[in-house]
Amino acid sequence: MLHPSYTDLMKVVNSEVEQGDTPVVNSRYSIVMATAKRARQIIAGEAAVTPQQASKPLSTAVAELNEGKIKIMPETEDADEEEIQTSAKDAGEEI
């Protein structure tokens, strides 16, 4: 079983959304796509923004998302995919 669960990850991602606004993540698919994209970035050489040492890039990506170190940006008209950003307080740069 995946820990944290999909529902826990969705709560973390949507925690900053005001009540009544559209949530950033509506499905498990969005969580899977975001963590897979971040894992590919880590494989390509991006530095992890979490101190937790994981043996696999996907585990690192899930830990980063669960700790709030990365943010999933909602889709815009200009972008085809969801954007993933590191938290400004931790890395200060867009991923």
Protein backbone atom coordinates (compact mmCIF):
# COMPACT_ATOMS: atom_id res chain seq x y z
CA MET A 1 0.00 0.00 0.00
CA LEU A 2 1.23 3.47 -0.84
CA HIS A 3 1.98 5.61 2.16
CA PRO A 4 0.84 8.33 2.26
CA SER A 5 -2.43 7.45 0.61
CA TYR A 6 -3.81 9.23 -2.46
CA THR A 7 -6.42 10.95 -0.33
CA ASP A 8 -3.75 12.23 2.08
CA LEU A 9 -1.73 13.62 -0.83
CA MET A 10 -4.82 15.26 -2.32
CA LYS A 11 -5.52 16.94 1.03
CA VAL A 12 -1.96 18.29 1.19
CA VAL A 13 -2.10 19.63 -2.37
CA ASN A 14 -5.53 21.20 -1.91
CA SER A 15 -4.85 22.51 1.62
CA GLU A 16 -4.31 26.11 0.46
CA VAL A 17 -7.48 26.25 -1.65
CA GLU A 18 -10.22 28.40 -0.14
CA GLN A 19 -13.56 26.77 0.56
CA GLY A 20 -15.77 27.06 -2.52
CA ASP A 21 -12.83 27.39 -4.95
CA THR A 22 -11.93 24.70 -7.45
CA PRO A 23 -9.37 22.28 -5.98
CA VAL A 24 -5.98 22.01 -7.70
CA VAL A 25 -6.20 18.21 -7.77
CA ASN A 26 -9.47 16.40 -8.38
CA SER A 27 -8.32 12.83 -8.96
CA ARG A 28 -5.72 10.18 -8.30
CA TYR A 29 -4.63 10.54 -11.90
CA SER A 30 -3.44 14.10 -11.22
CA ILE A 31 -1.39 12.94 -8.23
CA VAL A 32 0.16 10.12 -10.25
CA MET A 33 1.01 12.41 -13.17
CA ALA A 34 2.54 15.07 -10.92
CA THR A 35 4.69 12.65 -8.93
CA ALA A 36 5.79 10.86 -12.11
CA LYS A 37 6.81 14.17 -13.67
CA ARG A 38 8.77 15.15 -10.57
CA ALA A 39 10.44 11.71 -10.46
CA ARG A 40 11.55 12.18 -14.09
CA GLN A 41 13.00 15.58 -13.13
CA ILE A 42 14.96 13.96 -10.29
CA ILE A 43 16.22 11.22 -12.63
CA ALA A 44 17.33 13.93 -15.07
CA GLY A 45 19.53 15.46 -12.36
CA GLU A 46 17.34 17.93 -10.47
CA ALA A 47 18.21 18.13 -6.79
CA ALA A 48 15.74 16.76 -4.28
CA VAL A 49 14.26 19.38 -1.97
CA THR A 50 13.59 17.04 0.91
CA PRO A 51 16.17 15.87 3.43
CA GLN A 52 14.55 12.43 3.51
CA GLN A 53 16.77 9.92 1.73
CA ALA A 54 14.76 7.61 -0.51
CA SER A 55 16.18 4.85 -2.65
CA LYS A 56 13.95 5.60 -5.63
CA PRO A 57 13.09 8.88 -7.38
CA LEU A 58 9.34 8.21 -7.16
CA SER A 59 9.58 7.77 -3.39
CA THR A 60 11.45 11.06 -3.19
CA ALA A 61 8.80 12.79 -5.31
CA VAL A 62 5.98 11.45 -3.10
CA ALA A 63 7.83 12.57 0.04
CA GLU A 64 8.36 16.06 -1.41
CA LEU A 65 4.68 16.37 -2.29
CA ASN A 66 3.55 15.09 1.10
CA GLU A 67 5.85 17.51 2.95
CA GLY A 68 4.57 20.44 0.89
CA LYS A 69 8.02 21.08 -0.59
CA ILE A 70 6.62 21.07 -4.12
CA LYS A 71 3.37 22.51 -5.39
CA ILE A 72 1.19 21.41 -8.27
CA MET A 73 0.13 24.44 -10.24
CA PRO A 74 -3.30 24.26 -11.90
CA GLU A 75 -3.50 24.01 -15.65
CA THR A 76 -3.69 27.30 -17.51
CA GLU A 77 -4.66 28.11 -21.06
CA ASP A 78 -0.99 28.56 -21.98
CA ALA A 79 0.24 25.27 -20.54
CA ASP A 80 -0.59 21.78 -21.73
CA GLU A 81 0.45 20.09 -18.49
CA GLU A 82 0.27 20.81 -14.80
CA GLU A 83 3.26 22.75 -13.58
CA ILE A 84 5.26 21.59 -10.55
CA GLN A 85 7.05 24.14 -8.40
CA THR A 86 9.26 23.84 -5.40
CA SER A 87 8.23 25.87 -2.44
CA ALA A 88 9.84 29.32 -2.57
CA LYS A 89 10.97 29.04 1.04
CA ASP A 90 12.92 25.84 0.34
CA ALA A 91 14.47 26.12 -3.10
CA GLY A 92 13.50 29.46 -4.53
CA GLU A 93 13.34 28.26 -8.09
CA GLU A 94 10.69 26.90 -10.42
CA ILE A 95 10.91 23.31 -11.57
